[in-house]
Amino acid sequence: MAQFEVLQSEGTNWVKINLRDESVRAEAGALSYMSGDIVVDARILSMRGAMASVFSDESFIRPTYSG
């Protein structure tokens, strides 16, 4: 299972995620730093997913990070 840790510095919060042969999905542009063998797959959503994104005010591109 991926390990999540919420960190804070100078009033800014971020999440540190440790992956071990796992994947996580995040908002487009959410990644600020990565190390190790991480694969980024940034697919555009299907038409159905795009329509759902319009109504939920989410991004059309949701990258998946695997490592």
C-alpha atoms as a PDB file:
ATOM      1  CA  MET A   1       0.000   0.000   0.000  1.00  0.00           C
ATOM      2  CA  ALA A   2       1.265   3.483  -0.835  1.00  0.00           C
ATOM      3  CA  GLN A   3       2.444   5.527   2.138  1.00  0.00           C
ATOM      4  CA  PHE A   4       1.065   9.072   2.448  1.00  0.00           C
ATOM      5  CA  GLU A   5       2.519  11.718   4.744  1.00  0.00           C
ATOM      6  CA  VAL A   6       1.200  15.288   5.047  1.00  0.00           C
ATOM      7  CA  LEU A   7       4.061  17.773   5.461  1.00  0.00           C
ATOM      8  CA  GLN A   8       3.978  21.471   6.270  1.00  0.00           C
ATOM      9  CA  SER A   9       6.543  24.229   5.937  1.00  0.00           C
ATOM     10  CA  GLU A  10       6.139  28.011   6.013  1.00  0.00           C
ATOM     11  CA  GLY A  11       2.343  27.784   5.833  1.00  0.00           C
ATOM     12  CA  THR A  12       2.333  25.434   2.825  1.00  0.00           C
ATOM     13  CA  ASN A  13       0.979  21.878   2.997  1.00  0.00           C
ATOM     14  CA  TRP A  14       1.882  19.043   0.646  1.00  0.00           C
ATOM     15  CA  VAL A  15       1.626  15.269   0.534  1.00  0.00           C
ATOM     16  CA  LYS A  16       4.658  12.995   0.317  1.00  0.00           C
ATOM     17  CA  ILE A  17       3.807   9.646  -1.290  1.00  0.00           C
ATOM     18  CA  ASN A  18       6.055   6.567  -1.288  1.00  0.00           C
ATOM     19  CA  LEU A  19       5.183   4.064  -4.035  1.00  0.00           C
ATOM     20  CA  ARG A  20       6.256   0.428  -4.143  1.00  0.00           C
ATOM     21  CA  ASP A  21       4.976  -1.095  -7.402  1.00  0.00           C
ATOM     22  CA  GLU A  22       1.795   0.980  -7.072  1.00  0.00           C
ATOM     23  CA  SER A  23       0.007   3.850  -8.811  1.00  0.00           C
ATOM     24  CA  VAL A  24      -1.711   7.055  -7.717  1.00  0.00           C
ATOM     25  CA  ARG A  25      -3.734   9.604  -9.677  1.00  0.00           C
ATOM     26  CA  ALA A  26      -3.462  13.339  -9.046  1.00  0.00           C
ATOM     27  CA  GLU A  27      -4.653  16.640 -10.453  1.00  0.00           C
ATOM     28  CA  ALA A  28      -2.772  17.920 -13.483  1.00  0.00           C
ATOM     29  CA  GLY A  29       0.098  20.114 -12.289  1.00  0.00           C
ATOM     30  CA  ALA A  30       0.011  18.745  -8.726  1.00  0.00           C
ATOM     31  CA  LEU A  31       3.454  17.118  -8.888  1.00  0.00           C
ATOM     32  CA  SER A  32       6.231  19.380  -7.638  1.00  0.00           C
ATOM     33  CA  TYR A  33       9.085  16.885  -7.122  1.00  0.00           C
ATOM     34  CA  MET A  34       9.802  13.220  -7.778  1.00  0.00           C
ATOM     35  CA  SER A  35      12.745  10.884  -7.344  1.00  0.00           C
ATOM     36  CA  GLY A  36      13.369   7.280  -8.256  1.00  0.00           C
ATOM     37  CA  ASP A  37      11.867   5.280 -11.096  1.00  0.00           C
ATOM     38  CA  ILE A  38       8.493   6.995 -11.527  1.00  0.00           C
ATOM     39  CA  VAL A  39       6.459   6.606 -14.723  1.00  0.00           C
ATOM     40  CA  VAL A  40       3.968   9.362 -15.591  1.00  0.00           C
ATOM     41  CA  ASP A  41       0.978   8.472 -17.764  1.00  0.00           C
ATOM     42  CA  ALA A  42      -1.063  11.575 -18.674  1.00  0.00           C
ATOM     43  CA  ARG A  43      -3.985  10.354 -20.735  1.00  0.00           C
ATOM     44  CA  ILE A  44      -6.861  12.535 -21.843  1.00  0.00           C
ATOM     45  CA  LEU A  45     -10.206  11.348 -20.513  1.00  0.00           C
ATOM     46  CA  SER A  46     -12.818   9.572 -22.598  1.00  0.00           C
ATOM     47  CA  MET A  47     -15.828  11.562 -23.785  1.00  0.00           C
ATOM     48  CA  ARG A  48     -17.878  10.274 -20.847  1.00  0.00           C
ATOM     49  CA  GLY A  49     -15.089  11.180 -18.395  1.00  0.00           C
ATOM     50  CA  ALA A  50     -14.707  14.607 -19.996  1.00  0.00           C
ATOM     51  CA  MET A  51     -18.414  15.324 -19.576  1.00  0.00           C
ATOM     52  CA  ALA A  52     -18.233  14.276 -15.920  1.00  0.00           C
ATOM     53  CA  SER A  53     -15.246  16.606 -15.480  1.00  0.00           C
ATOM     54  CA  VAL A  54     -17.197  19.533 -16.921  1.00  0.00           C
ATOM     55  CA  PHE A  55     -20.003  19.057 -14.406  1.00  0.00           C
ATOM     56  CA  SER A  56     -17.682  18.460 -11.435  1.00  0.00           C
ATOM     57  CA  ASP A  57     -15.241  21.283 -12.337  1.00  0.00           C
ATOM     58  CA  GLU A  58     -12.247  18.904 -12.563  1.00  0.00           C
ATOM     59  CA  SER A  59      -9.364  18.760 -15.029  1.00  0.00           C
ATOM     60  CA  PHE A  60      -9.652  16.855 -18.332  1.00  0.00           C
ATOM     61  CA  ILE A  61      -6.153  15.452 -17.839  1.00  0.00           C
ATOM     62  CA  ARG A  62      -5.493  13.342 -14.758  1.00  0.00           C
ATOM     63  CA  PRO A  63      -1.967  11.939 -14.708  1.00  0.00           C
ATOM     64  CA  THR A  64      -1.213   8.589 -13.103  1.00  0.00           C
ATOM     65  CA  TYR A  65       2.145   8.155 -11.354  1.00  0.00           C
ATOM     66  CA  SER A  66       3.507   4.608 -11.054  1.00  0.00           C
ATOM     67  CA  GLY A  67       6.619   3.393  -9.345  1.00  0.00           C
END
